[in-house]
PDB file of all heavy atoms in Angstrom:
ATOM      1  N   ILE A   1       0.828  -1.219   0.071  1.00  0.00           N
ATOM      2  CA  ILE A   1       0.044  -0.037   0.053  1.00  0.00           C
ATOM      3  C   ILE A   1       0.917   1.296   0.058  1.00  0.00           C
ATOM      4  O   ILE A   1       1.878   1.328   0.635  1.00  0.00           O
ATOM      5  CB  ILE A   1      -0.964  -0.030   1.133  1.00  0.00           C
ATOM      6  CG1 ILE A   1      -2.001   1.066   1.095  1.00  0.00           C
ATOM      7  CG2 ILE A   1      -0.215   0.099   2.577  1.00  0.00           C
ATOM      8  CD1 ILE A   1      -3.127   0.968   2.152  1.00  0.00           C
ATOM      9  N   SER A   2       0.429   2.158  -0.777  1.00  0.00           N
ATOM     10  CA  SER A   2       1.200   3.506  -0.801  1.00  0.00           C
ATOM     11  C   SER A   2       1.000   4.351   0.431  1.00  0.00           C
ATOM     12  O   SER A   2       0.269   3.943   1.345  1.00  0.00           O
ATOM     13  CB  SER A   2       0.796   4.270  -2.049  1.00  0.00           C
ATOM     14  OG  SER A   2      -0.518   4.694  -1.903  1.00  0.00           O
ATOM     15  N   GLN A   3       1.964   5.343   0.505  1.00  0.00           N
ATOM     16  CA  GLN A   3       1.890   6.196   1.717  1.00  0.00           C
ATOM     17  C   GLN A   3       0.545   6.703   2.085  1.00  0.00           C
ATOM     18  O   GLN A   3       0.187   6.686   3.271  1.00  0.00           O
ATOM     19  CB  GLN A   3       2.905   7.266   1.546  1.00  0.00           C
ATOM     20  CG  GLN A   3       4.313   6.907   1.606  1.00  0.00           C
ATOM     21  CD  GLN A   3       4.812   6.757   0.139  1.00  0.00           C
ATOM     22  OE1 GLN A   3       4.216   6.025  -0.636  1.00  0.00           O
ATOM     23  NE2 GLN A   3       6.065   7.246  -0.022  1.00  0.00           N
ATOM     24  N   SER A   4      -0.187   7.163   1.124  1.00  0.00           N
ATOM     25  CA  SER A   4      -1.551   7.723   1.354  1.00  0.00           C
ATOM     26  C   SER A   4      -2.587   6.650   1.400  1.00  0.00           C
ATOM     27  O   SER A   4      -3.695   7.003   1.884  1.00  0.00           O
ATOM     28  CB  SER A   4      -1.812   8.693   0.345  1.00  0.00           C
ATOM     29  OG  SER A   4      -2.100   8.116  -0.970  1.00  0.00           O
ATOM     30  N   GLY A   5      -2.296   5.547   0.939  1.00  0.00           N
ATOM     31  CA  GLY A   5      -3.307   4.481   0.852  1.00  0.00           C
ATOM     32  C   GLY A   5      -4.124   4.495  -0.416  1.00  0.00           C
ATOM     33  O   GLY A   5      -4.971   3.678  -0.677  1.00  0.00           O
ATOM     34  N   ALA A   6      -3.787   5.373  -1.328  1.00  0.00           N
ATOM     35  CA  ALA A   6      -4.445   5.542  -2.539  1.00  0.00           C
ATOM     36  C   ALA A   6      -4.195   4.419  -3.583  1.00  0.00           C
ATOM     37  O   ALA A   6      -5.054   3.943  -4.310  1.00  0.00           O
ATOM     38  CB  ALA A   6      -4.124   6.740  -3.264  1.00  0.00           C
ATOM     39  N   TYR A   7      -3.038   3.736  -3.379  1.00  0.00           N
ATOM     40  CA  TYR A   7      -2.634   2.791  -4.270  1.00  0.00           C
ATOM     41  C   TYR A   7      -2.351   1.442  -3.696  1.00  0.00           C
ATOM     42  O   TYR A   7      -1.523   1.443  -2.667  1.00  0.00           O
ATOM     43  CB  TYR A   7      -1.367   3.133  -5.209  1.00  0.00           C
ATOM     44  CG  TYR A   7      -1.632   4.406  -6.038  1.00  0.00           C
ATOM     45  CD1 TYR A   7      -1.339   5.650  -5.539  1.00  0.00           C
ATOM     46  CD2 TYR A   7      -2.432   4.366  -7.229  1.00  0.00           C
ATOM     47  CE1 TYR A   7      -1.557   6.782  -6.266  1.00  0.00           C
ATOM     48  CE2 TYR A   7      -2.745   5.519  -7.957  1.00  0.00           C
ATOM     49  CZ  TYR A   7      -2.274   6.726  -7.375  1.00  0.00           C
ATOM     50  OH  TYR A   7      -2.579   7.820  -8.099  1.00  0.00           O
ATOM     51  N   THR A   8      -2.902   0.285  -4.092  1.00  0.00           N
ATOM     52  CA  THR A   8      -2.482  -0.969  -3.510  1.00  0.00           C
ATOM     53  C   THR A   8      -2.070  -1.917  -4.568  1.00  0.00           C
ATOM     54  O   THR A   8      -2.536  -1.785  -5.714  1.00  0.00           O
ATOM     55  CB  THR A   8      -3.719  -1.408  -2.737  1.00  0.00           C
ATOM     56  OG1 THR A   8      -4.870  -1.621  -3.496  1.00  0.00           O
ATOM     57  CG2 THR A   8      -4.055  -0.572  -1.555  1.00  0.00           C
ATOM     58  N   SER A   9      -1.511  -2.979  -4.177  1.00  0.00           N
ATOM     59  CA  SER A   9      -1.264  -4.032  -5.146  1.00  0.00           C
ATOM     60  C   SER A   9      -1.211  -5.352  -4.280  1.00  0.00           C
ATOM     61  O   SER A   9      -1.047  -5.394  -3.168  1.00  0.00           O
ATOM     62  CB  SER A   9       0.127  -3.896  -5.836  1.00  0.00           C
ATOM     63  OG  SER A   9       1.273  -3.930  -4.824  1.00  0.00           O
ATOM     64  N   TYR A  10      -1.504  -6.525  -5.104  1.00  0.00           N
ATOM     65  CA  TYR A  10      -1.568  -7.854  -4.453  1.00  0.00           C
ATOM     66  C   TYR A  10      -0.910  -8.826  -5.352  1.00  0.00           C
ATOM     67  O   TYR A  10      -0.823  -8.716  -6.488  1.00  0.00           O
ATOM     68  CB  TYR A  10      -3.110  -8.162  -4.298  1.00  0.00           C
ATOM     69  CG  TYR A  10      -3.781  -7.107  -3.527  1.00  0.00           C
ATOM     70  CD1 TYR A  10      -4.445  -6.019  -4.168  1.00  0.00           C
ATOM     71  CD2 TYR A  10      -3.943  -7.286  -2.073  1.00  0.00           C
ATOM     72  CE1 TYR A  10      -5.190  -5.071  -3.311  1.00  0.00           C
ATOM     73  CE2 TYR A  10      -4.592  -6.301  -1.390  1.00  0.00           C
ATOM     74  CZ  TYR A  10      -5.158  -5.271  -1.969  1.00  0.00           C
ATOM     75  OH  TYR A  10      -5.888  -4.355  -1.219  1.00  0.00           O
ATOM     76  N   ALA A  11      -0.324  -9.904  -4.677  1.00  0.00           N
ATOM     77  CA  ALA A  11       0.124 -11.014  -5.425  1.00  0.00           C
ATOM     78  C   ALA A  11      -1.050 -11.775  -5.964  1.00  0.00           C
ATOM     79  O   ALA A  11      -2.187 -11.725  -5.337  1.00  0.00           O
ATOM     80  CB  ALA A  11       0.892 -11.937  -4.425  1.00  0.00           C
ATOM     81  N   ASP A  12      -0.878 -12.413  -7.044  1.00  0.00           N
ATOM     82  CA  ASP A  12      -1.914 -13.168  -7.689  1.00  0.00           C
ATOM     83  C   ASP A  12      -2.623 -14.098  -6.749  1.00  0.00           C
ATOM     84  O   ASP A  12      -3.738 -14.398  -6.865  1.00  0.00           O
ATOM     85  CB  ASP A  12      -1.338 -13.832  -8.872  1.00  0.00           C
ATOM     86  CG  ASP A  12      -1.094 -12.962 -10.010  1.00  0.00           C
ATOM     87  OD1 ASP A  12      -1.502 -11.821 -10.124  1.00  0.00           O
ATOM     88  OD2 ASP A  12      -0.425 -13.463 -11.054  1.00  0.00           O
ATOM     89  N   SER A  13      -1.758 -14.662  -5.878  1.00  0.00           N
ATOM     90  CA  SER A  13      -2.278 -15.742  -4.922  1.00  0.00           C
ATOM     91  C   SER A  13      -3.374 -15.229  -4.073  1.00  0.00           C
ATOM     92  O   SER A  13      -4.215 -15.977  -3.478  1.00  0.00           O
ATOM     93  CB  SER A  13      -1.201 -16.323  -4.160  1.00  0.00           C
ATOM     94  OG  SER A  13      -0.584 -15.398  -3.341  1.00  0.00           O
ATOM     95  N   VAL A  14      -3.373 -13.818  -3.690  1.00  0.00           N
ATOM     96  CA  VAL A  14      -4.371 -13.371  -2.847  1.00  0.00           C
ATOM     97  C   VAL A  14      -5.372 -12.319  -3.389  1.00  0.00           C
ATOM     98  O   VAL A  14      -6.241 -11.889  -2.729  1.00  0.00           O
ATOM     99  CB  VAL A  14      -3.775 -12.647  -1.665  1.00  0.00           C
ATOM    100  CG1 VAL A  14      -2.876 -13.708  -0.940  1.00  0.00           C
ATOM    101  CG2 VAL A  14      -2.881 -11.468  -1.935  1.00  0.00           C
ATOM    102  N   LYS A  15      -5.043 -11.968  -4.711  1.00  0.00           N
ATOM    103  CA  LYS A  15      -5.830 -11.016  -5.282  1.00  0.00           C
ATOM    104  C   LYS A  15      -7.267 -11.334  -5.339  1.00  0.00           C
ATOM    105  O   LYS A  15      -7.694 -12.475  -5.685  1.00  0.00           O
ATOM    106  CB  LYS A  15      -5.245 -10.801  -6.684  1.00  0.00           C
ATOM    107  CG  LYS A  15      -5.776  -9.503  -7.480  1.00  0.00           C
ATOM    108  CD  LYS A  15      -5.099  -9.259  -8.868  1.00  0.00           C
ATOM    109  CE  LYS A  15      -3.601  -9.118  -8.600  1.00  0.00           C
ATOM    110  NZ  LYS A  15      -2.855  -8.945  -9.899  1.00  0.00           N
ATOM    111  N   GLY A  16      -8.134 -10.427  -5.070  1.00  0.00           N
ATOM    112  CA  GLY A  16      -9.511 -10.579  -5.029  1.00  0.00           C
ATOM    113  C   GLY A  16     -10.044 -11.188  -3.797  1.00  0.00           C
ATOM    114  O   GLY A  16     -11.320 -11.205  -3.507  1.00  0.00           O
ATOM    115  N   ARG A  17      -9.187 -11.576  -2.848  1.00  0.00           N
ATOM    116  CA  ARG A  17      -9.539 -12.077  -1.549  1.00  0.00           C
ATOM    117  C   ARG A  17      -9.117 -11.340  -0.294  1.00  0.00           C
ATOM    118  O   ARG A  17      -9.445 -11.514   0.781  1.00  0.00           O
ATOM    119  CB  ARG A  17      -9.091 -13.423  -1.373  1.00  0.00           C
ATOM    120  CG  ARG A  17      -9.607 -14.494  -2.482  1.00  0.00           C
ATOM    121  CD  ARG A  17      -9.116 -15.975  -2.176  1.00  0.00           C
ATOM    122  NE  ARG A  17      -7.756 -16.098  -2.181  1.00  0.00           N
ATOM    123  CZ  ARG A  17      -7.014 -16.408  -1.195  1.00  0.00           C
ATOM    124  NH1 ARG A  17      -7.578 -16.646   0.183  1.00  0.00           N
ATOM    125  NH2 ARG A  17      -5.669 -16.605  -1.214  1.00  0.00           N
ATOM    126  N   SER A  18      -8.082 -10.495  -0.709  1.00  0.00           N
ATOM    127  CA  SER A  18      -7.576  -9.649   0.357  1.00  0.00           C
ATOM    128  C   SER A  18      -7.663  -8.066   0.175  1.00  0.00           C
ATOM    129  O   SER A  18      -7.628  -7.656  -1.003  1.00  0.00           O
ATOM    130  CB  SER A  18      -5.982 -10.071   0.515  1.00  0.00           C
ATOM    131  OG  SER A  18      -5.881 -11.486   0.915  1.00  0.00           O
ATOM    132  N   THR A  19      -7.613  -7.281   1.232  1.00  0.00           N
ATOM    133  CA  THR A  19      -7.608  -5.982   1.080  1.00  0.00           C
ATOM    134  C   THR A  19      -6.615  -5.344   2.169  1.00  0.00           C
ATOM    135  O   THR A  19      -6.827  -5.674   3.382  1.00  0.00           O
ATOM    136  CB  THR A  19      -9.029  -5.375   1.401  1.00  0.00           C
ATOM    137  OG1 THR A  19      -9.938  -5.830   0.477  1.00  0.00           O
ATOM    138  CG2 THR A  19      -8.884  -3.811   1.221  1.00  0.00           C
ATOM    139  N   ILE A  20      -5.658  -4.536   1.634  1.00  0.00           N
ATOM    140  CA  ILE A  20      -4.707  -3.984   2.665  1.00  0.00           C
ATOM    141  C   ILE A  20      -5.231  -2.524   2.750  1.00  0.00           C
ATOM    142  O   ILE A  20      -5.684  -1.849   1.883  1.00  0.00           O
ATOM    143  CB  ILE A  20      -3.369  -3.993   2.021  1.00  0.00           C
ATOM    144  CG1 ILE A  20      -2.233  -3.526   2.978  1.00  0.00           C
ATOM    145  CG2 ILE A  20      -3.217  -3.336   0.583  1.00  0.00           C
ATOM    146  CD1 ILE A  20      -0.813  -3.701   2.577  1.00  0.00           C
ATOM    147  N   SER A  21      -5.012  -2.012   3.913  1.00  0.00           N
ATOM    148  CA  SER A  21      -5.431  -0.673   4.269  1.00  0.00           C
ATOM    149  C   SER A  21      -4.423  -0.142   5.402  1.00  0.00           C
ATOM    150  O   SER A  21      -3.690  -0.792   5.899  1.00  0.00           O
ATOM    151  CB  SER A  21      -6.996  -0.588   4.829  1.00  0.00           C
ATOM    152  OG  SER A  21      -7.150  -1.451   5.967  1.00  0.00           O
ATOM    153  N   ARG A  22      -4.670   1.187   5.623  1.00  0.00           N
ATOM    154  CA  ARG A  22      -3.831   1.800   6.630  1.00  0.00           C
ATOM    155  C   ARG A  22      -4.480   2.830   7.299  1.00  0.00           C
ATOM    156  O   ARG A  22      -5.434   3.471   6.783  1.00  0.00           O
ATOM    157  CB  ARG A  22      -2.517   2.324   6.007  1.00  0.00           C
ATOM    158  CG  ARG A  22      -2.636   3.458   5.085  1.00  0.00           C
ATOM    159  CD  ARG A  22      -1.363   3.631   4.180  1.00  0.00           C
ATOM    160  NE  ARG A  22      -0.200   3.893   5.181  1.00  0.00           N
ATOM    161  CZ  ARG A  22       1.130   3.679   4.834  1.00  0.00           C
ATOM    162  NH1 ARG A  22       1.379   3.282   3.631  1.00  0.00           N
ATOM    163  NH2 ARG A  22       2.084   3.969   5.714  1.00  0.00           N
ATOM    164  N   ASP A  23      -4.067   3.108   8.580  1.00  0.00           N
ATOM    165  CA  ASP A  23      -4.559   4.245   9.337  1.00  0.00           C
ATOM    166  C   ASP A  23      -3.418   4.999   9.981  1.00  0.00           C
ATOM    167  O   ASP A  23      -2.710   4.668  10.877  1.00  0.00           O
ATOM    168  CB  ASP A  23      -5.370   3.707  10.551  1.00  0.00           C
ATOM    169  CG  ASP A  23      -5.998   4.880  11.266  1.00  0.00           C
ATOM    170  OD1 ASP A  23      -5.528   6.091  11.220  1.00  0.00           O
ATOM    171  OD2 ASP A  23      -7.112   4.630  11.889  1.00  0.00           O
ATOM    172  N   ASN A  24      -2.994   5.942   9.120  1.00  0.00           N
ATOM    173  CA  ASN A  24      -1.711   6.707   9.530  1.00  0.00           C
ATOM    174  C   ASN A  24      -1.748   7.381  10.730  1.00  0.00           C
ATOM    175  O   ASN A  24      -0.682   7.593  11.539  1.00  0.00           O
ATOM    176  CB  ASN A  24      -1.434   7.602   8.331  1.00  0.00           C
ATOM    177  CG  ASN A  24      -0.890   6.932   7.053  1.00  0.00           C
ATOM    178  OD1 ASN A  24      -0.297   5.849   7.203  1.00  0.00           O
ATOM    179  ND2 ASN A  24      -0.954   7.615   5.991  1.00  0.00           N
ATOM    180  N   ALA A  25      -2.906   7.717  11.214  1.00  0.00           N
ATOM    181  CA  ALA A  25      -3.076   8.544  12.480  1.00  0.00           C
ATOM    182  C   ALA A  25      -2.702   7.450  13.588  1.00  0.00           C
ATOM    183  O   ALA A  25      -2.243   7.955  14.735  1.00  0.00           O
ATOM    184  CB  ALA A  25      -4.429   9.055  12.727  1.00  0.00           C
ATOM    185  N   LYS A  26      -2.967   6.181  13.397  1.00  0.00           N
ATOM    186  CA  LYS A  26      -2.697   5.185  14.403  1.00  0.00           C
ATOM    187  C   LYS A  26      -1.343   4.366  14.166  1.00  0.00           C
ATOM    188  O   LYS A  26      -0.932   3.605  14.964  1.00  0.00           O
ATOM    189  CB  LYS A  26      -3.768   4.177  14.441  1.00  0.00           C
ATOM    190  CG  LYS A  26      -5.116   4.784  14.932  1.00  0.00           C
ATOM    191  CD  LYS A  26      -6.244   3.615  15.057  1.00  0.00           C
ATOM    192  CE  LYS A  26      -7.516   4.165  15.505  1.00  0.00           C
ATOM    193  NZ  LYS A  26      -8.580   3.204  15.510  1.00  0.00           N
ATOM    194  N   ASN A  27      -0.734   4.864  13.056  1.00  0.00           N
ATOM    195  CA  ASN A  27       0.543   4.327  12.648  1.00  0.00           C
ATOM    196  C   ASN A  27       0.249   2.673  12.532  1.00  0.00           C
ATOM    197  O   ASN A  27       1.084   1.787  12.882  1.00  0.00           O
ATOM    198  CB  ASN A  27       1.669   4.454  13.625  1.00  0.00           C
ATOM    199  CG  ASN A  27       3.050   4.611  12.993  1.00  0.00           C
ATOM    200  OD1 ASN A  27       3.150   5.135  11.923  1.00  0.00           O
ATOM    201  ND2 ASN A  27       4.107   4.142  13.607  1.00  0.00           N
ATOM    202  N   MET A  28      -0.693   2.344  11.850  1.00  0.00           N
ATOM    203  CA  MET A  28      -1.090   0.942  11.691  1.00  0.00           C
ATOM    204  C   MET A  28      -1.379   0.622  10.144  1.00  0.00           C
ATOM    205  O   MET A  28      -1.854   1.473   9.435  1.00  0.00           O
ATOM    206  CB  MET A  28      -2.363   0.678  12.482  1.00  0.00           C
ATOM    207  CG  MET A  28      -2.289   0.846  13.932  1.00  0.00           C
ATOM    208  SD  MET A  28      -1.491  -0.572  14.788  1.00  0.00           S
ATOM    209  CE  MET A  28      -2.885  -1.765  14.722  1.00  0.00           C
ATOM    210  N   VAL A  29      -1.106  -0.659   9.883  1.00  0.00           N
ATOM    211  CA  VAL A  29      -1.534  -1.205   8.533  1.00  0.00           C
ATOM    212  C   VAL A  29      -2.196  -2.471   8.885  1.00  0.00           C
ATOM    213  O   VAL A  29      -1.847  -3.225   9.654  1.00  0.00           O
ATOM    214  CB  VAL A  29      -0.256  -1.357   7.623  1.00  0.00           C
ATOM    215  CG1 VAL A  29      -0.675  -1.980   6.286  1.00  0.00           C
ATOM    216  CG2 VAL A  29       0.434  -0.057   7.486  1.00  0.00           C
ATOM    217  N   TYR A  30      -3.219  -2.786   7.953  1.00  0.00           N
ATOM    218  CA  TYR A  30      -4.037  -4.026   8.009  1.00  0.00           C
ATOM    219  C   TYR A  30      -4.148  -4.738   6.857  1.00  0.00           C
ATOM    220  O   TYR A  30      -3.885  -4.185   5.664  1.00  0.00           O
ATOM    221  CB  TYR A  30      -5.441  -3.555   8.489  1.00  0.00           C
ATOM    222  CG  TYR A  30      -5.566  -2.531   9.707  1.00  0.00           C
ATOM    223  CD1 TYR A  30      -5.632  -1.206   9.426  1.00  0.00           C
ATOM    224  CD2 TYR A  30      -5.537  -3.064  10.902  1.00  0.00           C
ATOM    225  CE1 TYR A  30      -5.640  -0.321  10.451  1.00  0.00           C
ATOM    226  CE2 TYR A  30      -5.633  -2.099  12.052  1.00  0.00           C
ATOM    227  CZ  TYR A  30      -5.772  -0.805  11.729  1.00  0.00           C
ATOM    228  OH  TYR A  30      -5.780   0.094  12.903  1.00  0.00           O
ATOM    229  N   LEU A  31      -4.315  -6.015   7.081  1.00  0.00           N
ATOM    230  CA  LEU A  31      -4.721  -6.931   5.814  1.00  0.00           C
ATOM    231  C   LEU A  31      -5.868  -7.710   6.119  1.00  0.00           C
ATOM    232  O   LEU A  31      -5.882  -8.571   7.074  1.00  0.00           O
ATOM    233  CB  LEU A  31      -3.491  -7.829   5.651  1.00  0.00           C
ATOM    234  CG  LEU A  31      -3.580  -8.735   4.374  1.00  0.00           C
ATOM    235  CD1 LEU A  31      -3.685  -7.951   3.123  1.00  0.00           C
ATOM    236  CD2 LEU A  31      -2.545  -9.785   4.329  1.00  0.00           C
ATOM    237  N   GLN A  32      -6.962  -7.487   5.505  1.00  0.00           N
ATOM    238  CA  GLN A  32      -8.203  -8.244   5.555  1.00  0.00           C
ATOM    239  C   GLN A  32      -8.074  -9.332   4.584  1.00  0.00           C
ATOM    240  O   GLN A  32      -7.923  -9.139   3.450  1.00  0.00           O
ATOM    241  CB  GLN A  32      -9.334  -7.304   5.329  1.00  0.00           C
ATOM    242  CG  GLN A  32     -10.702  -8.118   5.378  1.00  0.00           C
ATOM    243  CD  GLN A  32     -11.147  -8.438   6.761  1.00  0.00           C
ATOM    244  OE1 GLN A  32     -11.003  -7.690   7.678  1.00  0.00           O
ATOM    245  NE2 GLN A  32     -11.665  -9.725   6.858  1.00  0.00           N
ATOM    246  N   MET A  33      -8.244 -10.574   5.167  1.00  0.00           N
ATOM    247  CA  MET A  33      -8.164 -11.810   4.342  1.00  0.00           C
ATOM    248  C   MET A  33      -9.475 -12.506   4.385  1.00  0.00           C
ATOM    249  O   MET A  33      -9.995 -12.840   5.414  1.00  0.00           O
ATOM    250  CB  MET A  33      -6.958 -12.635   4.629  1.00  0.00           C
ATOM    251  CG  MET A  33      -5.626 -11.986   4.772  1.00  0.00           C
ATOM    252  SD  MET A  33      -4.279 -13.111   5.065  1.00  0.00           S
ATOM    253  CE  MET A  33      -4.308 -14.038   3.558  1.00  0.00           C
ATOM    254  N   ASN A  34     -10.121 -12.664   3.208  1.00  0.00           N
ATOM    255  CA  ASN A  34     -11.306 -13.340   3.170  1.00  0.00           C
ATOM    256  C   ASN A  34     -11.222 -14.691   2.332  1.00  0.00           C
ATOM    257  O   ASN A  34     -10.190 -14.843   1.650  1.00  0.00           O
ATOM    258  CB  ASN A  34     -12.452 -12.490   2.485  1.00  0.00           C
ATOM    259  CG  ASN A  34     -12.647 -11.217   3.329  1.00  0.00           C
ATOM    260  OD1 ASN A  34     -12.591 -11.161   4.501  1.00  0.00           O
ATOM    261  ND2 ASN A  34     -12.785 -10.133   2.612  1.00  0.00           N
ATOM    262  N   SER A  35     -12.216 -15.518   2.421  1.00  0.00           N
ATOM    263  CA  SER A  35     -12.140 -16.754   1.661  1.00  0.00           C
ATOM    264  C   SER A  35     -10.794 -17.397   1.725  1.00  0.00           C
ATOM    265  O   SER A  35     -10.226 -17.868   0.743  1.00  0.00           O
ATOM    266  CB  SER A  35     -12.496 -16.412   0.164  1.00  0.00           C
ATOM    267  OG  SER A  35     -13.711 -15.795  -0.003  1.00  0.00           O
ATOM    268  N   LEU A  36     -10.350 -17.586   2.921  1.00  0.00           N
ATOM    269  CA  LEU A  36      -9.152 -18.143   3.296  1.00  0.00           C
ATOM    270  C   LEU A  36      -8.996 -19.655   2.693  1.00  0.00           C
ATOM    271  O   LEU A  36      -9.849 -20.343   2.878  1.00  0.00           O
ATOM    272  CB  LEU A  36      -8.716 -18.105   4.691  1.00  0.00           C
ATOM    273  CG  LEU A  36      -8.345 -16.744   5.216  1.00  0.00           C
ATOM    274  CD1 LEU A  36      -8.444 -16.653   6.718  1.00  0.00           C
ATOM    275  CD2 LEU A  36      -6.854 -16.454   4.790  1.00  0.00           C
ATOM    276  N   LYS A  37      -7.873 -19.924   2.174  1.00  0.00           N
ATOM    277  CA  LYS A  37      -7.547 -21.254   1.534  1.00  0.00           C
ATOM    278  C   LYS A  37      -6.485 -21.942   2.438  1.00  0.00           C
ATOM    279  O   LYS A  37      -5.657 -21.171   3.151  1.00  0.00           O
ATOM    280  CB  LYS A  37      -7.032 -21.055   0.063  1.00  0.00           C
ATOM    281  CG  LYS A  37      -8.105 -20.444  -0.789  1.00  0.00           C
ATOM    282  CD  LYS A  37      -7.485 -20.387  -2.169  1.00  0.00           C
ATOM    283  CE  LYS A  37      -8.523 -19.574  -3.104  1.00  0.00           C
ATOM    284  NZ  LYS A  37      -7.897 -19.567  -4.555  1.00  0.00           N
ATOM    285  N   LEU A  38      -6.306 -23.131   2.412  1.00  0.00           N
ATOM    286  CA  LEU A  38      -5.266 -23.941   3.053  1.00  0.00           C
ATOM    287  C   LEU A  38      -3.935 -23.299   2.624  1.00  0.00           C
ATOM    288  O   LEU A  38      -2.928 -23.330   3.492  1.00  0.00           O
ATOM    289  CB  LEU A  38      -5.327 -25.367   2.625  1.00  0.00           C
ATOM    290  CG  LEU A  38      -6.487 -26.133   3.033  1.00  0.00           C
ATOM    291  CD1 LEU A  38      -6.459 -27.602   2.610  1.00  0.00           C
ATOM    292  CD2 LEU A  38      -6.686 -26.119   4.548  1.00  0.00           C
ATOM    293  N   GLU A  39      -3.724 -22.901   1.322  1.00  0.00           N
ATOM    294  CA  GLU A  39      -2.455 -22.410   0.926  1.00  0.00           C
ATOM    295  C   GLU A  39      -2.078 -21.027   1.562  1.00  0.00           C
ATOM    296  O   GLU A  39      -1.047 -20.559   1.390  1.00  0.00           O
ATOM    297  CB  GLU A  39      -2.412 -22.252  -0.611  1.00  0.00           C
ATOM    298  CG  GLU A  39      -3.032 -23.418  -1.342  1.00  0.00           C
ATOM    299  CD  GLU A  39      -4.360 -23.446  -1.564  1.00  0.00           C
ATOM    300  OE1 GLU A  39      -4.842 -22.841  -2.676  1.00  0.00           O
ATOM    301  OE2 GLU A  39      -5.118 -24.055  -0.828  1.00  0.00           O
ATOM    302  N   ASP A  40      -2.976 -20.407   2.250  1.00  0.00           N
ATOM    303  CA  ASP A  40      -2.762 -19.106   2.919  1.00  0.00           C
ATOM    304  C   ASP A  40      -2.013 -19.357   4.254  1.00  0.00           C
ATOM    305  O   ASP A  40      -1.554 -18.351   4.857  1.00  0.00           O
ATOM    306  CB  ASP A  40      -4.019 -18.384   3.124  1.00  0.00           C
ATOM    307  CG  ASP A  40      -4.667 -17.881   1.808  1.00  0.00           C
ATOM    308  OD1 ASP A  40      -3.908 -17.484   0.948  1.00  0.00           O
ATOM    309  OD2 ASP A  40      -5.851 -17.886   1.766  1.00  0.00           O
ATOM    310  N   THR A  41      -1.831 -20.610   4.683  1.00  0.00           N
ATOM    311  CA  THR A  41      -1.179 -20.885   5.964  1.00  0.00           C
ATOM    312  C   THR A  41       0.227 -20.465   5.811  1.00  0.00           C
ATOM    313  O   THR A  41       0.996 -20.925   4.934  1.00  0.00           O
ATOM    314  CB  THR A  41      -1.213 -22.324   6.275  1.00  0.00           C
ATOM    315  OG1 THR A  41      -2.621 -22.812   6.478  1.00  0.00           O
ATOM    316  CG2 THR A  41      -0.515 -22.787   7.448  1.00  0.00           C
ATOM    317  N   ALA A  42       0.593 -19.561   6.725  1.00  0.00           N
ATOM    318  CA  ALA A  42       1.998 -19.089   6.723  1.00  0.00           C
ATOM    319  C   ALA A  42       2.137 -18.117   7.948  1.00  0.00           C
ATOM    320  O   ALA A  42       1.052 -17.875   8.648  1.00  0.00           O
ATOM    321  CB  ALA A  42       2.261 -18.290   5.490  1.00  0.00           C
ATOM    322  N   VAL A  43       3.280 -17.614   8.145  1.00  0.00           N
ATOM    323  CA  VAL A  43       3.523 -16.605   9.084  1.00  0.00           C
ATOM    324  C   VAL A  43       3.585 -15.346   8.346  1.00  0.00           C
ATOM    325  O   VAL A  43       4.225 -15.197   7.427  1.00  0.00           O
ATOM    326  CB  VAL A  43       4.909 -16.796   9.940  1.00  0.00           C
ATOM    327  CG1 VAL A  43       5.130 -15.643  10.947  1.00  0.00           C
ATOM    328  CG2 VAL A  43       4.831 -18.077  10.644  1.00  0.00           C
ATOM    329  N   TYR A  44       2.842 -14.315   8.831  1.00  0.00           N
ATOM    330  CA  TYR A  44       2.605 -13.031   8.080  1.00  0.00           C
ATOM    331  C   TYR A  44       3.405 -11.921   8.896  1.00  0.00           C
ATOM    332  O   TYR A  44       3.372 -11.821  10.065  1.00  0.00           O
ATOM    333  CB  TYR A  44       1.166 -12.660   7.904  1.00  0.00           C
ATOM    334  CG  TYR A  44       0.438 -13.519   6.921  1.00  0.00           C
ATOM    335  CD1 TYR A  44       0.209 -14.821   7.162  1.00  0.00           C
ATOM    336  CD2 TYR A  44       0.069 -13.008   5.740  1.00  0.00           C
ATOM    337  CE1 TYR A  44      -0.456 -15.728   6.237  1.00  0.00           C
ATOM    338  CE2 TYR A  44      -0.536 -13.796   4.747  1.00  0.00           C
ATOM    339  CZ  TYR A  44      -0.942 -15.115   5.076  1.00  0.00           C
ATOM    340  OH  TYR A  44      -1.472 -15.869   4.110  1.00  0.00           O
ATOM    341  N   TYR A  45       4.147 -11.171   8.021  1.00  0.00           N
ATOM    342  CA  TYR A  45       4.981 -10.126   8.473  1.00  0.00           C
ATOM    343  C   TYR A  45       4.615  -8.807   7.786  1.00  0.00           C
ATOM    344  O   TYR A  45       4.224  -8.850   6.669  1.00  0.00           O
ATOM    345  CB  TYR A  45       6.435 -10.305   8.352  1.00  0.00           C
ATOM    346  CG  TYR A  45       7.020 -11.724   8.885  1.00  0.00           C
ATOM    347  CD1 TYR A  45       6.873 -12.854   8.145  1.00  0.00           C
ATOM    348  CD2 TYR A  45       7.632 -11.697  10.147  1.00  0.00           C
ATOM    349  CE1 TYR A  45       7.351 -14.097   8.767  1.00  0.00           C
ATOM    350  CE2 TYR A  45       8.089 -12.883  10.730  1.00  0.00           C
ATOM    351  CZ  TYR A  45       7.981 -14.091   9.984  1.00  0.00           C
ATOM    352  OH  TYR A  45       8.489 -15.157  10.510  1.00  0.00           O
ATOM    353  N   CYS A  46       5.041  -7.724   8.453  1.00  0.00           N
ATOM    354  CA  CYS A  46       4.888  -6.390   7.639  1.00  0.00           C
ATOM    355  C   CYS A  46       6.247  -5.736   7.888  1.00  0.00           C
ATOM    356  O   CYS A  46       7.144  -5.996   8.646  1.00  0.00           O
ATOM    357  CB  CYS A  46       3.816  -5.592   8.350  1.00  0.00           C
ATOM    358  SG  CYS A  46       4.042  -5.174  10.086  1.00  0.00           S
TER     359      CYS A  46
END
């Protein structure tokens, strides 16, 4: 996600199922993951 949050990009593996967002006032970034698949099993980092 870009600094302002205006632009986002996704790997093909999660495209259409995930949404990245941010709240700069809280210094936080989020990843909403829907329709989770077995292949999504992993340790996630930012």
